[in-house]
């Protein structure tokens, strides 16, 4: 059962260009049963009579573009006056899914039977290549764009166990199925974290952060409180005092929104192409990252959990302390694809914070050279007026981050630097399965037409 290559290419091109958003929204469903799959038990016990069939490169390229494809320059239409927050933006290139402050903190990994790929984010792309890649997107040359953005990091299919605790039983029969393409978004906590701190520690915002696991004492920023001559509002009745956990949860939620947008786009594109698929649990502290080849650090489990010295000692005495791994960077050959803004990638948190500020406001930073070619009529004139964070905000950020790292041994405190939450499995739908158990409307015309190409 093999679909003619040229017919599939033509099909993909026509669907991408002509399928309407309303049709995609109306037809969007999780359709889990693909060619070559088997449900071993229950009312839907069934074994596909077909062999697994991998997605074509055209189909995979379209799904990747929907999830994390670059689309051009953002408008950055904000107020950049003093205390207005416009300089929170961290990038000038947009993707198909929105990103908080255009940080593009979520990376996409693509896994099929043949290989495992990392898809470059805008910040991975050299300035001189960006205009050409944007043009490929505008022309709909998605396969070429995909080839230019992907980095092959491993041969064959990367996967992790499906045992309970690592996955849920609901996914065991279908996730990572042969023939399917699996998408793993990976979130970088450190960039969005430092970016947000630089804003909340500005005098105009003046947020004060305390450590709820250390008797609500200041999180390394005591001297920056107004009671001590600083600029941060340390009055607990002001509504401007937050906890480390509260701050980190807000940043983590912002990344979840971005990841959700990516997976929703993949699902909608899958509907347009007549491809089945579903989002599924992929939140593992380290399993996915370790399997993908990230560099791992370890620390004793009580310290990872933020336990104090007494509790850590007790845990060690009863034999329950064990090394807990977490990812710090991803390197491939001579290239660093991802790295956290924290040691061991930097000597200390001060160096990490300074590096992030330079990434945005250095001579080649996001607010300097990266504005070249943007939609602004006079990019140099406008970008020169966008100021870096105040030194007071930078120093408060350094002190806070240094406190977190020294006290808890890592940054962030409650989460590893890199996180996975939800993955997405895309497959070719087995129409016969749905026809046996469902009413005809369970599948749209799109899935049925795509299925017919196998028999063409």
Protein backbone atom coordinates (compact mmCIF):
# COMPACT_ATOMS: atom_id res chain seq x y z
CA UNK A 1 0.00 0.00 0.00
CA UNK A 2 1.97 2.95 -1.32
CA UNK A 3 0.68 6.36 -2.32
CA UNK A 4 2.00 7.88 -5.57
CA UNK A 5 4.59 10.50 -4.63
CA UNK A 6 3.53 13.18 -7.12
CA UNK A 7 -0.15 12.81 -6.24
CA UNK A 8 0.64 13.28 -2.55
CA UNK A 9 2.76 16.36 -3.28
CA UNK A 10 -0.05 17.84 -5.31
CA UNK A 11 -2.55 16.97 -2.58
CA UNK A 12 -0.48 18.63 0.14
CA UNK A 13 0.07 21.76 -1.92
CA UNK A 14 -3.62 22.10 -2.74
CA UNK A 15 -4.74 21.50 0.83
CA UNK A 16 -2.24 23.94 2.33
CA UNK A 17 -3.21 26.68 -0.09
CA UNK A 18 -6.97 26.17 -0.30
CA UNK A 19 -8.32 24.55 2.88
CA UNK A 20 -10.24 27.11 4.90
CA UNK A 21 -9.71 27.94 8.55
CA UNK A 22 -13.40 27.36 9.29
CA UNK A 23 -13.22 23.88 7.78
CA UNK A 24 -10.15 23.11 9.88
CA UNK A 25 -11.82 24.36 13.07
CA UNK A 26 -15.02 22.43 12.41
CA UNK A 27 -13.16 19.24 11.54
CA UNK A 28 -10.54 19.38 14.27
CA UNK A 29 -10.62 16.20 16.33
CA UNK A 30 -8.20 13.82 17.99
CA UNK A 31 -8.12 10.82 15.66
CA UNK A 32 -5.81 8.28 17.18
CA UNK A 33 -6.12 5.09 15.14
CA UNK A 34 -3.63 5.02 12.30
CA UNK A 35 -2.45 2.57 9.68
CA UNK A 36 -0.72 -0.45 11.24
CA UNK A 37 -2.09 0.11 14.75
CA UNK A 38 -3.86 -2.32 17.04
CA UNK A 39 -6.23 -1.95 19.99
CA UNK A 40 -5.79 -5.22 21.88
CA UNK A 41 -8.76 -5.09 24.27
CA UNK A 42 -12.17 -3.54 24.87
CA UNK A 43 -15.14 -2.68 22.67
CA UNK A 44 -12.91 -1.29 19.94
CA UNK A 45 -10.59 -4.31 19.69
CA UNK A 46 -9.13 -4.08 16.21
CA UNK A 47 -5.96 -4.78 14.26
CA UNK A 48 -5.25 -2.74 11.15
CA UNK A 49 -4.86 -4.80 8.00
CA UNK A 50 -2.47 -2.21 6.61
CA UNK A 51 1.22 -1.65 7.24
CA UNK A 52 2.34 1.56 8.99
CA UNK A 53 2.94 4.34 6.49
CA UNK A 54 5.25 7.22 7.36
CA UNK A 55 4.23 10.79 6.70
CA UNK A 56 5.74 12.17 3.54
CA UNK A 57 8.33 14.94 3.77
CA UNK A 58 5.74 17.35 2.36
CA UNK A 59 3.23 16.44 5.05
CA UNK A 60 5.82 16.65 7.81
CA UNK A 61 7.10 19.99 6.54
CA UNK A 62 3.58 21.44 6.55
CA UNK A 63 2.98 20.27 10.13
CA UNK A 64 6.33 21.68 11.27
CA UNK A 65 5.56 25.00 9.63
CA UNK A 66 2.19 25.11 11.35
CA UNK A 67 3.78 24.43 14.72
CA UNK A 68 6.90 26.55 14.67
CA UNK A 69 7.56 27.94 11.20
CA UNK A 70 8.96 31.43 10.86
CA UNK A 71 6.55 33.89 9.24
CA UNK A 72 8.38 37.22 9.06
CA UNK A 73 9.06 40.28 11.15
CA UNK A 74 6.80 41.16 14.05
CA UNK A 75 5.30 44.64 14.23
CA UNK A 76 6.62 45.44 17.73
CA UNK A 77 4.02 48.20 17.90
CA UNK A 78 4.45 49.18 21.54
CA UNK A 79 5.22 52.16 23.70
CA UNK A 80 8.95 52.42 24.33
CA UNK A 81 8.92 55.38 26.69
CA UNK A 82 10.43 55.21 30.15
CA UNK A 83 8.55 52.73 32.29
CA UNK A 84 6.28 51.58 29.44
CA UNK A 85 7.73 48.08 29.14
CA UNK A 86 8.21 47.93 25.36
CA UNK A 87 11.77 46.74 25.70
CA UNK A 88 10.52 43.46 27.16
CA UNK A 89 10.30 42.16 23.59
CA UNK A 90 13.21 39.87 22.88
CA UNK A 91 13.07 39.12 19.15
CA UNK A 92 11.94 40.60 15.86
CA UNK A 93 11.10 37.39 13.97
CA UNK A 94 7.66 35.86 14.45
CA UNK A 95 6.52 32.27 14.20
CA UNK A 96 3.15 30.72 13.42
CA UNK A 97 2.37 30.43 17.15
CA UNK A 98 2.49 33.50 19.36
CA UNK A 99 5.22 33.83 21.97
CA UNK A 100 5.25 35.91 25.14
CA UNK A 101 7.42 38.98 24.44
CA UNK A 102 8.60 37.28 21.23
CA UNK A 103 11.16 35.30 23.24
CA UNK A 104 10.44 32.12 21.22
CA UNK A 105 11.19 30.06 24.28
CA UNK A 106 9.67 26.80 22.98
CA UNK A 107 11.74 24.56 20.71
CA UNK A 108 10.24 21.85 18.52
CA UNK A 109 11.71 18.37 18.08
CA UNK A 110 10.44 16.12 15.28
CA UNK A 111 10.76 12.35 15.54
CA UNK A 112 9.99 9.73 12.89
CA UNK A 113 11.18 6.22 12.08
CA UNK A 114 14.20 7.50 10.16
CA UNK A 115 15.59 10.30 12.32
CA UNK A 116 15.17 12.78 15.16
CA UNK A 117 15.40 16.48 14.32
CA UNK A 118 15.70 19.78 16.14
CA UNK A 119 13.92 22.66 14.39
CA UNK A 120 15.81 25.92 14.69
CA UNK A 121 14.18 28.88 16.37
CA UNK A 122 14.62 32.42 14.98
CA UNK A 123 17.49 33.10 17.42
CA UNK A 124 19.37 30.10 15.97
CA UNK A 125 19.33 31.60 12.47
CA UNK A 126 22.20 33.91 11.39
CA UNK A 127 21.04 37.41 10.53
CA UNK A 128 22.16 37.12 6.91
CA UNK A 129 19.92 34.06 6.34
CA UNK A 130 16.70 35.33 7.86
CA UNK A 131 15.36 37.27 4.87
CA UNK A 132 15.83 34.28 2.57
CA UNK A 133 14.02 31.92 4.95
CA UNK A 134 11.16 34.36 5.39
CA UNK A 135 10.86 34.51 1.60
CA UNK A 136 10.63 30.71 1.42
CA UNK A 137 7.75 30.83 3.89
CA UNK A 138 5.99 33.54 1.90
CA UNK A 139 6.30 31.49 -1.31
CA UNK A 140 4.99 28.35 0.39
CA UNK A 141 8.25 26.46 -0.17
CA UNK A 142 7.71 24.53 3.02
CA UNK A 143 9.86 21.49 2.25
CA UNK A 144 12.91 23.61 1.50
CA UNK A 145 12.22 25.74 4.56
CA UNK A 146 11.97 22.59 6.68
CA UNK A 147 15.25 21.26 5.30
CA UNK A 148 16.98 24.54 6.09
CA UNK A 149 15.66 24.76 9.63
CA UNK A 150 16.04 21.18 10.83
CA UNK A 151 19.15 19.71 12.42
CA UNK A 152 19.43 15.94 12.50
CA UNK A 153 20.47 15.06 16.04
CA UNK A 154 20.02 11.28 15.93
CA UNK A 155 19.39 8.41 13.55
CA UNK A 156 16.12 6.58 14.05
CA UNK A 157 13.21 7.12 16.38
CA UNK A 158 13.90 8.61 19.81
CA UNK A 159 11.37 7.53 22.40
CA UNK A 160 10.96 7.03 26.12
CA UNK A 161 9.21 4.26 28.08
CA UNK A 162 5.42 4.24 28.30
CA UNK A 163 5.24 2.79 31.79
CA UNK A 164 3.00 4.50 34.38
CA UNK A 165 4.78 7.39 36.03
CA UNK A 166 6.48 8.29 32.77
CA UNK A 167 3.32 8.16 30.68
CA UNK A 168 -0.35 7.37 31.19
CA UNK A 169 -1.84 4.01 30.26
CA UNK A 170 -4.35 5.72 27.96
CA UNK A 171 -1.53 6.40 25.49
CA UNK A 172 0.38 3.10 25.64
CA UNK A 173 -1.20 1.45 22.60
CA UNK A 174 -0.74 4.36 20.20
CA UNK A 175 1.95 6.84 21.22
CA UNK A 176 5.29 6.57 19.35
CA UNK A 177 3.63 4.15 16.90
CA UNK A 178 5.71 3.08 13.93
CA UNK A 179 4.95 5.18 10.89
CA UNK A 180 3.87 8.19 12.94
CA UNK A 181 5.70 11.47 13.44
CA UNK A 182 6.03 12.62 17.02
CA UNK A 183 6.46 16.26 18.00
CA UNK A 184 8.06 17.19 21.32
CA UNK A 185 8.05 20.87 22.31
CA UNK A 186 10.76 21.74 24.86
CA UNK A 187 10.46 24.87 27.01
CA UNK A 188 13.43 26.95 28.15
CA UNK A 189 12.52 28.47 31.52
CA UNK A 190 15.58 30.64 32.00
CA UNK A 191 15.20 33.11 29.13
CA UNK A 192 11.59 34.01 29.88
CA UNK A 193 12.42 34.12 33.59
CA UNK A 194 15.32 36.58 33.33
CA UNK A 195 13.46 38.64 30.76
CA UNK A 196 10.50 39.01 33.12
CA UNK A 197 12.67 39.81 36.13
CA UNK A 198 14.35 42.67 34.29
CA UNK A 199 10.93 44.26 33.90
CA UNK A 200 9.42 43.59 37.33
CA UNK A 201 12.55 44.96 39.02
CA UNK A 202 12.36 48.25 37.14
CA UNK A 203 11.55 51.20 39.46
CA UNK A 204 8.24 51.81 37.67
CA UNK A 205 7.02 48.30 38.50
CA UNK A 206 9.06 47.76 41.64
CA UNK A 207 7.93 44.24 42.53
CA UNK A 208 9.50 42.69 45.62
CA UNK A 209 10.07 38.92 45.82
CA UNK A 210 10.33 36.83 48.98
CA UNK A 211 11.26 33.20 49.52
CA UNK A 212 8.26 31.29 50.85
CA UNK A 213 10.52 28.37 51.78
CA UNK A 214 12.77 30.58 53.89
CA UNK A 215 10.28 32.25 56.25
CA UNK A 216 9.20 34.73 53.54
CA UNK A 217 12.50 36.57 53.80
CA UNK A 218 13.69 38.68 50.84
CA UNK A 219 15.03 36.53 47.99
CA UNK A 220 18.45 38.14 47.87
CA UNK A 221 17.07 41.62 47.19
CA UNK A 222 16.73 43.05 50.73
CA UNK A 223 18.94 46.06 49.96
CA UNK A 224 16.72 46.98 47.01
CA UNK A 225 13.65 47.44 49.23
CA UNK A 226 12.40 50.97 49.84
CA UNK A 227 12.90 50.58 53.58
CA UNK A 228 16.61 50.32 52.89
CA UNK A 229 16.82 53.11 50.33
CA UNK A 230 16.13 50.98 47.26
CA UNK A 231 13.44 51.14 44.57
CA UNK A 232 11.42 47.94 45.17
CA UNK A 233 8.12 48.07 47.06
CA UNK A 234 8.70 45.95 50.16
CA UNK A 235 5.41 46.92 51.84
CA UNK A 236 3.49 43.65 52.19
CA UNK A 237 0.18 45.54 52.10
CA UNK A 238 0.93 47.16 48.74
CA UNK A 239 0.06 44.18 46.55
CA UNK A 240 3.54 44.36 45.02
CA UNK A 241 5.14 41.53 46.99
CA UNK A 242 5.36 38.12 45.31
CA UNK A 243 6.86 34.73 46.12
CA UNK A 244 9.45 32.81 44.12
CA UNK A 245 6.88 30.11 43.42
CA UNK A 246 4.29 32.64 42.27
CA UNK A 247 6.75 34.30 39.90
CA UNK A 248 7.93 31.00 38.43
CA UNK A 249 4.41 29.68 37.95
CA UNK A 250 3.44 32.76 35.95
CA UNK A 251 6.41 32.31 33.61
CA UNK A 252 5.75 28.57 33.26
CA UNK A 253 2.12 29.27 32.37
CA UNK A 254 3.19 31.75 29.69
CA UNK A 255 5.29 29.03 28.07
CA UNK A 256 2.39 26.57 28.26
CA UNK A 257 0.26 29.01 26.27
CA UNK A 258 2.92 29.18 23.57
CA UNK A 259 3.26 25.41 23.43
CA UNK A 260 -0.49 24.97 23.31
CA UNK A 261 -0.67 27.32 20.35
CA UNK A 262 1.97 25.28 18.52
CA UNK A 263 0.14 22.00 19.04
CA UNK A 264 -3.23 23.48 18.13
CA UNK A 265 -1.73 24.71 14.86
CA UNK A 266 -0.29 21.26 14.15
CA UNK A 267 -3.69 19.72 14.77
CA UNK A 268 -5.43 22.19 12.46
CA UNK A 269 -2.88 21.60 9.71
CA UNK A 270 -3.32 17.86 10.19
CA UNK A 271 -7.04 18.27 9.62
CA UNK A 272 -6.35 20.22 6.44
CA UNK A 273 -4.09 17.40 5.20
CA UNK A 274 -6.41 14.57 6.24
CA UNK A 275 -3.90 13.37 8.84
CA UNK A 276 -4.89 11.96 12.20
CA UNK A 277 -3.22 12.82 15.47
CA UNK A 278 -3.59 13.77 19.10
CA UNK A 279 -1.87 15.70 21.87
CA UNK A 280 -0.69 13.60 24.77
CA UNK A 281 1.12 13.67 28.08
CA UNK A 282 4.85 14.29 27.80
CA UNK A 283 5.66 15.99 31.10
CA UNK A 284 8.78 14.28 32.35
CA UNK A 285 11.39 15.89 34.56
CA UNK A 286 14.23 14.52 32.48
CA UNK A 287 13.34 11.40 30.44
CA UNK A 288 12.64 13.13 27.14
CA UNK A 289 15.55 15.53 27.51
CA UNK A 290 17.96 12.74 28.32
CA UNK A 291 16.72 10.70 25.35
CA UNK A 292 17.10 13.68 23.02
CA UNK A 293 20.76 14.02 23.94
CA UNK A 294 20.76 17.00 26.28
CA UNK A 295 23.75 17.44 28.59
CA UNK A 296 22.60 16.39 32.03
CA UNK A 297 23.63 17.58 35.49
CA UNK A 298 22.62 15.87 38.71
CA UNK A 299 21.97 16.87 42.30
CA UNK A 300 20.71 14.96 45.36
CA UNK A 301 16.95 14.58 45.27
CA UNK A 302 16.32 16.45 48.58
CA UNK A 303 18.24 19.47 47.25
CA UNK A 304 16.37 19.25 43.96
CA UNK A 305 13.13 19.41 45.94
CA UNK A 306 14.36 22.41 47.91
CA UNK A 307 14.59 20.64 51.25
CA UNK A 308 16.48 22.34 54.09
CA UNK A 309 19.66 20.92 55.59
CA UNK A 310 17.84 19.04 58.37
CA UNK A 311 15.34 17.37 56.06
CA UNK A 312 18.13 16.59 53.58
CA UNK A 313 20.09 14.90 56.35
CA UNK A 314 17.10 12.84 57.44
CA UNK A 315 16.39 11.74 53.88
CA UNK A 316 20.02 10.72 53.46
CA UNK A 317 20.01 8.78 56.74
CA UNK A 318 17.00 6.71 55.71
CA UNK A 319 18.56 5.95 52.34
CA UNK A 320 16.11 7.90 50.18
CA UNK A 321 18.56 10.41 48.71
CA UNK A 322 19.46 9.66 45.11
CA UNK A 323 20.94 11.62 42.19
CA UNK A 324 18.30 13.53 40.22
CA UNK A 325 19.20 14.51 36.64
CA UNK A 326 18.21 17.70 34.85
CA UNK A 327 19.14 19.14 31.44
CA UNK A 328 21.36 22.20 30.99
CA UNK A 329 22.12 22.37 27.26
CA UNK A 330 21.93 20.60 23.92
CA UNK A 331 24.98 20.41 21.72
CA UNK A 332 25.33 18.74 18.34
CA UNK A 333 28.75 18.32 16.80
CA UNK A 334 30.33 21.78 17.16
CA UNK A 335 27.07 23.71 17.54
CA UNK A 336 25.21 24.64 20.71
CA UNK A 337 21.53 24.39 19.82
CA UNK A 338 20.08 25.21 23.23
CA UNK A 339 21.52 26.29 26.55
CA UNK A 340 20.08 27.69 29.73
CA UNK A 341 21.06 31.07 31.12
CA UNK A 342 22.65 29.52 34.20
CA UNK A 343 25.77 27.58 35.25
CA UNK A 344 27.45 25.46 33.96
CA UNK A 345 26.92 27.40 30.75
CA UNK A 346 28.10 30.56 32.52
CA UNK A 347 30.52 31.00 35.45
CA UNK A 348 27.74 32.36 37.68
CA UNK A 349 24.30 33.93 37.52
CA UNK A 350 25.71 37.43 37.12
CA UNK A 351 27.43 36.35 33.92
CA UNK A 352 24.20 34.67 32.77
CA UNK A 353 22.09 37.79 33.36
CA UNK A 354 24.66 40.02 31.66
CA UNK A 355 24.75 37.63 28.69
CA UNK A 356 20.98 37.84 28.33
CA UNK A 357 21.01 41.63 28.45
CA UNK A 358 23.73 41.61 25.79
CA UNK A 359 21.67 39.18 23.69
CA UNK A 360 18.97 41.85 23.53
CA UNK A 361 20.92 45.12 23.65
CA UNK A 362 24.46 44.33 22.55
CA UNK A 363 25.71 45.62 19.21
CA UNK A 364 24.31 42.52 17.45
CA UNK A 365 21.37 42.14 19.78
CA UNK A 366 17.65 41.78 19.16
CA UNK A 367 17.12 45.52 19.52
CA UNK A 368 20.08 46.53 17.42
CA UNK A 369 21.24 44.59 14.35
CA UNK A 370 18.24 42.26 14.41
CA UNK A 371 15.89 45.12 13.53
CA UNK A 372 17.54 45.46 10.10
CA UNK A 373 15.05 44.54 7.41
CA UNK A 374 12.10 44.82 9.76
CA UNK A 375 8.77 46.37 8.86
CA UNK A 376 9.80 49.66 10.44
CA UNK A 377 10.45 52.43 7.93
CA UNK A 378 13.57 53.66 9.76
CA UNK A 379 14.75 50.74 11.85
CA UNK A 380 18.07 52.25 12.92
CA UNK A 381 16.48 55.48 14.09
CA UNK A 382 13.75 53.71 16.02
CA UNK A 383 15.91 51.00 17.54
CA UNK A 384 18.42 53.52 18.88
CA UNK A 385 15.64 55.03 20.97
CA UNK A 386 14.86 51.71 22.69
CA UNK A 387 16.84 51.64 25.90
CA UNK A 388 18.26 48.69 27.81
CA UNK A 389 16.94 47.95 31.30
CA UNK A 390 18.15 50.26 34.04
CA UNK A 391 21.27 49.25 35.92
CA UNK A 392 19.17 49.09 39.09
CA UNK A 393 16.89 46.48 37.49
CA UNK A 394 19.87 44.51 36.17
CA UNK A 395 21.60 44.48 39.56
CA UNK A 396 18.41 43.43 41.37
CA UNK A 397 17.95 40.63 38.83
CA UNK A 398 21.54 39.48 39.37
CA UNK A 399 21.10 39.47 43.16
CA UNK A 400 17.82 37.55 42.98
CA UNK A 401 19.15 34.95 40.53
CA UNK A 402 22.36 34.55 42.52
CA UNK A 403 20.34 33.97 45.70
CA UNK A 404 18.20 31.31 44.01
CA UNK A 405 21.17 29.47 42.57
CA UNK A 406 23.25 29.53 45.74
CA UNK A 407 20.41 28.49 48.03
CA UNK A 408 18.80 25.85 45.81
CA UNK A 409 21.67 24.81 43.56
CA UNK A 410 19.97 25.60 40.29
CA UNK A 411 17.97 28.19 38.40
CA UNK A 412 14.95 28.16 38.27
CA UNK A 413 14.10 26.92 41.76
CA UNK A 414 10.89 24.94 41.21
CA UNK A 415 11.55 23.68 37.73
CA UNK A 416 14.47 22.35 35.76
CA UNK A 417 15.85 24.81 33.17
CA UNK A 418 14.23 22.80 30.35
CA UNK A 419 10.79 21.22 30.53
CA UNK A 420 8.50 19.06 28.43
CA UNK A 421 4.74 19.06 28.96
CA UNK A 422 2.71 17.83 25.99
CA UNK A 423 3.67 15.96 22.83
CA UNK A 424 1.78 15.35 19.61
CA UNK A 425 1.50 12.14 17.60
CA UNK A 426 0.59 12.48 13.89
CA UNK A 427 -0.40 9.44 11.79
CA UNK A 428 -2.25 8.43 8.66
CA UNK A 429 -5.81 7.51 9.57
CA UNK A 430 -7.06 3.96 9.07
CA UNK A 431 -10.49 4.69 7.59
CA UNK A 432 -11.62 1.06 7.87
CA UNK A 433 -11.39 1.18 11.67
CA UNK A 434 -13.67 4.19 11.90
CA UNK A 435 -16.12 2.76 9.38
CA UNK A 436 -16.46 -0.37 11.49
CA UNK A 437 -17.17 1.34 14.80
CA UNK A 438 -18.37 4.89 14.05
CA UNK A 439 -20.99 6.76 12.10
CA UNK A 440 -19.67 8.11 8.78
CA UNK A 441 -19.40 11.69 10.06
CA UNK A 442 -16.61 10.64 12.46
CA UNK A 443 -14.27 11.32 9.56
CA UNK A 444 -14.40 14.36 7.36
CA UNK A 445 -14.16 14.29 3.59
CA UNK A 446 -10.50 15.26 4.04
CA UNK A 447 -9.47 12.05 5.81
CA UNK A 448 -11.36 9.95 3.29
CA UNK A 449 -9.80 11.68 0.29
CA UNK A 450 -6.32 11.34 1.76
CA UNK A 451 -6.94 7.63 2.39
CA UNK A 452 -7.99 7.12 -1.23
CA UNK A 453 -4.54 8.26 -2.38
CA UNK A 454 -3.13 4.98 -1.07
CA UNK A 455 -5.26 3.14 -3.59
CA UNK A 456 -4.75 5.58 -6.46
